[in-house]
């Protein structure tokens, strides 16, 4: 039991700041943590709700660790590829169509029943 409490204390100690960003089906977590030497680093976690065949859900997560000495080059690379995508992609219609399609599926999952049909 003591080991579990020690782990909780360790996790509480190393989490400094956290920011959650909801983006469509995904949530991104930006967490600032500290090493044992109190050096700060960033974890970026992508979390997506997934459903299995039985209808139960779980969260699929992907995580990267980014250390202070890599921030500048990482941000430069990220900005470069984001700019490339903005300049070379068709309008945002592609993304909104995907979202509209998801909403259409949600709306049509139920059968339409008129009360007049029940009287027949």
Protein backbone atom coordinates (compact mmCIF):
# COMPACT_ATOMS: atom_id res chain seq x y z
CA UNK A 1 0.00 0.00 0.00
CA UNK A 2 2.86 2.36 0.79
CA UNK A 3 4.30 1.83 -2.68
CA UNK A 4 1.01 3.01 -4.25
CA UNK A 5 0.99 6.14 -2.10
CA UNK A 6 4.63 6.82 -3.01
CA UNK A 7 3.74 6.56 -6.71
CA UNK A 8 0.83 9.00 -6.29
CA UNK A 9 3.11 11.47 -4.51
CA UNK A 10 5.69 11.12 -7.27
CA UNK A 11 3.07 11.76 -9.98
CA UNK A 12 1.69 14.77 -8.11
CA UNK A 13 5.20 16.16 -7.65
CA UNK A 14 6.23 15.98 -11.27
CA UNK A 15 3.05 17.44 -12.85
CA UNK A 16 3.55 21.20 -13.01
CA UNK A 17 1.01 22.49 -15.53
CA UNK A 18 -1.60 20.93 -17.80
CA UNK A 19 -3.71 22.12 -20.72
CA UNK A 20 -6.39 20.05 -22.50
CA UNK A 21 -7.43 20.95 -26.05
CA UNK A 22 -10.55 19.34 -27.51
CA UNK A 23 -10.38 19.07 -31.28
CA UNK A 24 -13.15 17.11 -32.98
CA UNK A 25 -12.98 13.45 -31.97
CA UNK A 26 -9.62 13.90 -30.28
CA UNK A 27 -8.37 15.56 -27.14
CA UNK A 28 -4.79 16.71 -26.85
CA UNK A 29 -3.16 17.04 -23.44
CA UNK A 30 -0.13 19.27 -23.01
CA UNK A 31 1.48 18.47 -19.67
CA UNK A 32 4.53 20.15 -18.18
CA UNK A 33 6.37 17.77 -15.88
CA UNK A 34 9.62 17.76 -13.95
CA UNK A 35 12.39 15.21 -13.86
CA UNK A 36 13.99 14.10 -10.61
CA UNK A 37 16.48 16.91 -11.17
CA UNK A 38 13.58 19.40 -11.47
CA UNK A 39 14.19 19.93 -15.19
CA UNK A 40 10.94 20.72 -16.99
CA UNK A 41 9.77 18.85 -20.07
CA UNK A 42 6.57 18.54 -22.09
CA UNK A 43 4.41 15.54 -22.82
CA UNK A 44 1.87 15.76 -25.62
CA UNK A 45 -0.83 13.10 -25.49
CA UNK A 46 -3.42 12.48 -28.19
CA UNK A 47 -6.48 10.70 -26.80
CA UNK A 48 -9.29 9.31 -28.95
CA UNK A 49 -12.40 7.46 -27.80
CA UNK A 50 -12.69 4.13 -29.63
CA UNK A 51 -15.50 1.56 -29.57
CA UNK A 52 -15.12 -2.21 -29.82
CA UNK A 53 -17.60 -4.60 -31.46
CA UNK A 54 -19.56 -4.97 -28.21
CA UNK A 55 -20.15 -1.23 -28.00
CA UNK A 56 -17.74 -0.79 -25.10
CA UNK A 57 -15.32 2.06 -25.36
CA UNK A 58 -11.72 2.64 -24.48
CA UNK A 59 -9.30 5.47 -25.08
CA UNK A 60 -6.49 5.05 -27.57
CA UNK A 61 -3.57 7.23 -26.54
CA UNK A 62 -0.36 8.29 -28.21
CA UNK A 63 2.27 10.23 -26.33
CA UNK A 64 5.47 12.07 -27.13
CA UNK A 65 8.02 13.53 -24.74
CA UNK A 66 9.65 16.81 -25.64
CA UNK A 67 12.65 18.09 -23.73
CA UNK A 68 13.65 21.71 -23.34
CA UNK A 69 16.77 21.43 -25.49
CA UNK A 70 14.56 20.27 -28.41
CA UNK A 71 11.80 22.91 -28.15
CA UNK A 72 13.21 25.36 -30.70
CA UNK A 73 13.87 22.81 -33.45
CA UNK A 74 10.56 21.04 -32.76
CA UNK A 75 8.56 24.28 -33.02
CA UNK A 76 10.43 25.28 -36.20
CA UNK A 77 9.65 21.91 -37.80
CA UNK A 78 6.04 21.98 -36.65
CA UNK A 79 5.50 25.51 -37.98
CA UNK A 80 7.09 24.57 -41.30
CA UNK A 81 4.86 21.54 -41.91
CA UNK A 82 1.71 23.33 -40.71
CA UNK A 83 2.47 26.20 -43.11
CA UNK A 84 3.06 23.70 -45.94
CA UNK A 85 -0.30 22.02 -45.26
CA UNK A 86 -2.11 25.37 -45.17
CA UNK A 87 -0.55 26.44 -48.47
CA UNK A 88 -0.97 23.11 -50.30
CA UNK A 89 -4.32 21.79 -49.09
CA UNK A 90 -7.70 22.49 -50.61
CA UNK A 91 -9.97 24.70 -48.58
CA UNK A 92 -11.13 23.59 -45.14
CA UNK A 93 -14.12 21.97 -46.85
CA UNK A 94 -12.38 18.59 -46.61
CA UNK A 95 -12.46 18.71 -42.83
CA UNK A 96 -15.98 20.07 -42.51
CA UNK A 97 -17.34 17.41 -44.90
CA UNK A 98 -15.91 14.70 -42.68
CA UNK A 99 -17.55 16.27 -39.62
CA UNK A 100 -20.87 16.68 -41.46
CA UNK A 101 -20.76 13.02 -42.49
CA UNK A 102 -20.25 11.98 -38.86
CA UNK A 103 -23.28 14.04 -37.82
CA UNK A 104 -25.38 12.50 -40.62
CA UNK A 105 -24.56 9.02 -39.36
CA UNK A 106 -25.52 9.97 -35.83
CA UNK A 107 -28.84 11.43 -37.01
CA UNK A 108 -29.82 8.44 -39.15
CA UNK A 109 -29.05 5.73 -36.62
CA UNK A 110 -32.68 5.70 -35.47
CA UNK A 111 -35.68 4.46 -37.42
CA UNK A 112 -38.35 6.96 -38.29
CA UNK A 113 -41.68 5.94 -36.79
CA UNK A 114 -44.93 7.86 -37.33
CA UNK A 115 -47.69 7.39 -34.79
CA UNK A 116 -50.18 7.09 -37.65
CA UNK A 117 -48.36 3.92 -38.76
CA UNK A 118 -48.93 2.34 -35.36
CA UNK A 119 -52.71 2.59 -35.65
CA UNK A 120 -52.81 0.51 -38.86
